[in-house]
C-alpha atoms as a PDB file:
ATOM      1  CA  UNK A   1     -85.289 -53.523 -19.362  1.00  0.00           C
ATOM      2  CA  UNK A   2     -82.610 -54.688 -21.789  1.00  0.00           C
ATOM      3  CA  UNK A   3     -78.871 -54.367 -21.342  1.00  0.00           C
ATOM      4  CA  UNK A   4     -76.348 -54.636 -24.174  1.00  0.00           C
ATOM      5  CA  UNK A   5     -72.692 -54.876 -23.279  1.00  0.00           C
ATOM      6  CA  UNK A   6     -69.341 -55.334 -24.976  1.00  0.00           C
ATOM      7  CA  UNK A   7     -66.399 -56.776 -23.075  1.00  0.00           C
ATOM      8  CA  UNK A   8     -62.783 -57.115 -24.116  1.00  0.00           C
ATOM      9  CA  UNK A   9     -60.550 -60.200 -23.827  1.00  0.00           C
ATOM     10  CA  UNK A  10     -59.908 -59.291 -20.180  1.00  0.00           C
ATOM     11  CA  UNK A  11     -63.661 -59.305 -19.358  1.00  0.00           C
ATOM     12  CA  UNK A  12     -63.713 -55.512 -18.899  1.00  0.00           C
ATOM     13  CA  UNK A  13     -66.819 -53.729 -20.166  1.00  0.00           C
ATOM     14  CA  UNK A  14     -65.903 -51.309 -22.947  1.00  0.00           C
ATOM     15  CA  UNK A  15     -69.469 -50.330 -23.885  1.00  0.00           C
ATOM     16  CA  UNK A  16     -72.916 -50.666 -22.348  1.00  0.00           C
ATOM     17  CA  UNK A  17     -76.352 -49.608 -23.540  1.00  0.00           C
ATOM     18  CA  UNK A  18     -79.158 -49.641 -20.967  1.00  0.00           C
ATOM     19  CA  UNK A  19     -82.783 -48.728 -21.185  1.00  0.00           C
ATOM     20  CA  UNK A  20     -84.704 -50.426 -23.983  1.00  0.00           C
ATOM     21  CA  UNK A  21     -88.073 -51.854 -22.986  1.00  0.00           C
ATOM     22  CA  UNK A  22     -87.974 -55.511 -21.905  1.00  0.00           C
ATOM     23  CA  UNK A  23     -90.865 -56.371 -24.237  1.00  0.00           C
ATOM     24  CA  UNK A  24     -88.889 -55.241 -27.319  1.00  0.00           C
ATOM     25  CA  UNK A  25     -87.327 -57.808 -29.664  1.00  0.00           C
ATOM     26  CA  UNK A  26     -83.596 -58.256 -28.998  1.00  0.00           C
ATOM     27  CA  UNK A  27     -82.663 -57.510 -32.591  1.00  0.00           C
ATOM     28  CA  UNK A  28     -84.776 -54.343 -32.508  1.00  0.00           C
ATOM     29  CA  UNK A  29     -83.036 -53.305 -29.287  1.00  0.00           C
ATOM     30  CA  UNK A  30     -79.631 -53.767 -30.929  1.00  0.00           C
ATOM     31  CA  UNK A  31     -80.560 -52.002 -34.192  1.00  0.00           C
ATOM     32  CA  UNK A  32     -82.040 -49.007 -32.350  1.00  0.00           C
ATOM     33  CA  UNK A  33     -79.213 -48.629 -29.819  1.00  0.00           C
ATOM     34  CA  UNK A  34     -76.425 -46.103 -30.358  1.00  0.00           C
ATOM     35  CA  UNK A  35     -74.018 -49.051 -30.548  1.00  0.00           C
ATOM     36  CA  UNK A  36     -76.110 -50.844 -33.201  1.00  0.00           C
ATOM     37  CA  UNK A  37     -76.500 -47.690 -35.281  1.00  0.00           C
ATOM     38  CA  UNK A  38     -72.751 -46.971 -35.163  1.00  0.00           C
ATOM     39  CA  UNK A  39     -71.989 -50.612 -36.027  1.00  0.00           C
ATOM     40  CA  UNK A  40     -74.392 -50.610 -39.007  1.00  0.00           C
ATOM     41  CA  UNK A  41     -73.161 -47.286 -40.367  1.00  0.00           C
ATOM     42  CA  UNK A  42     -69.474 -48.149 -40.034  1.00  0.00           C
ATOM     43  CA  UNK A  43     -68.917 -45.343 -37.509  1.00  0.00           C
ATOM     44  CA  UNK A  44     -67.971 -47.697 -34.669  1.00  0.00           C
ATOM     45  CA  UNK A  45     -64.289 -47.316 -33.866  1.00  0.00           C
ATOM     46  CA  UNK A  46     -63.263 -50.987 -34.245  1.00  0.00           C
ATOM     47  CA  UNK A  47     -59.659 -52.004 -34.700  1.00  0.00           C
ATOM     48  CA  UNK A  48     -58.727 -53.135 -38.219  1.00  0.00           C
ATOM     49  CA  UNK A  49     -57.775 -56.692 -39.156  1.00  0.00           C
ATOM     50  CA  UNK A  50     -54.411 -57.507 -37.595  1.00  0.00           C
ATOM     51  CA  UNK A  51     -52.045 -60.420 -37.052  1.00  0.00           C
ATOM     52  CA  UNK A  52     -52.296 -62.800 -34.121  1.00  0.00           C
ATOM     53  CA  UNK A  53     -49.296 -61.890 -31.924  1.00  0.00           C
ATOM     54  CA  UNK A  54     -46.222 -63.917 -32.870  1.00  0.00           C
ATOM     55  CA  UNK A  55     -47.712 -65.147 -36.170  1.00  0.00           C
ATOM     56  CA  UNK A  56     -48.392 -63.968 -39.690  1.00  0.00           C
ATOM     57  CA  UNK A  57     -52.045 -65.043 -39.424  1.00  0.00           C
ATOM     58  CA  UNK A  58     -54.412 -62.099 -39.696  1.00  0.00           C
ATOM     59  CA  UNK A  59     -57.937 -62.146 -38.294  1.00  0.00           C
ATOM     60  CA  UNK A  60     -60.694 -59.577 -37.873  1.00  0.00           C
ATOM     61  CA  UNK A  61     -62.238 -58.821 -34.498  1.00  0.00           C
ATOM     62  CA  UNK A  62     -65.655 -60.335 -33.738  1.00  0.00           C
ATOM     63  CA  UNK A  63     -68.664 -59.504 -31.636  1.00  0.00           C
ATOM     64  CA  UNK A  64     -70.322 -62.635 -30.270  1.00  0.00           C
ATOM     65  CA  UNK A  65     -74.056 -62.633 -29.579  1.00  0.00           C
ATOM     66  CA  UNK A  66     -76.826 -65.126 -29.032  1.00  0.00           C
ATOM     67  CA  UNK A  67     -79.498 -66.388 -31.431  1.00  0.00           C
ATOM     68  CA  UNK A  68     -81.668 -63.323 -30.744  1.00  0.00           C
ATOM     69  CA  UNK A  69     -79.229 -61.069 -32.632  1.00  0.00           C
ATOM     70  CA  UNK A  70     -78.827 -61.163 -36.399  1.00  0.00           C
ATOM     71  CA  UNK A  71     -75.510 -62.130 -37.922  1.00  0.00           C
ATOM     72  CA  UNK A  72     -74.187 -59.119 -39.834  1.00  0.00           C
ATOM     73  CA  UNK A  73     -70.954 -57.792 -41.267  1.00  0.00           C
ATOM     74  CA  UNK A  74     -69.446 -54.445 -40.360  1.00  0.00           C
ATOM     75  CA  UNK A  75     -69.424 -51.893 -43.177  1.00  0.00           C
END
């Protein structure tokens, strides 16, 4: 069984997806999960680019994965 999870900066889970077969490719698991589909379609409610607190430096938010997941940009 595969488990996908998203945690915030405080290490609190904000999203989990459980249930894909353990024999499935990790990238396939991500692409076929509700999270992966929402991410790919641009329907995932992700905060927009914003400034680092106390600075005028703006950065987007990132999802960090391992080598099993493809690097992709949000639509």
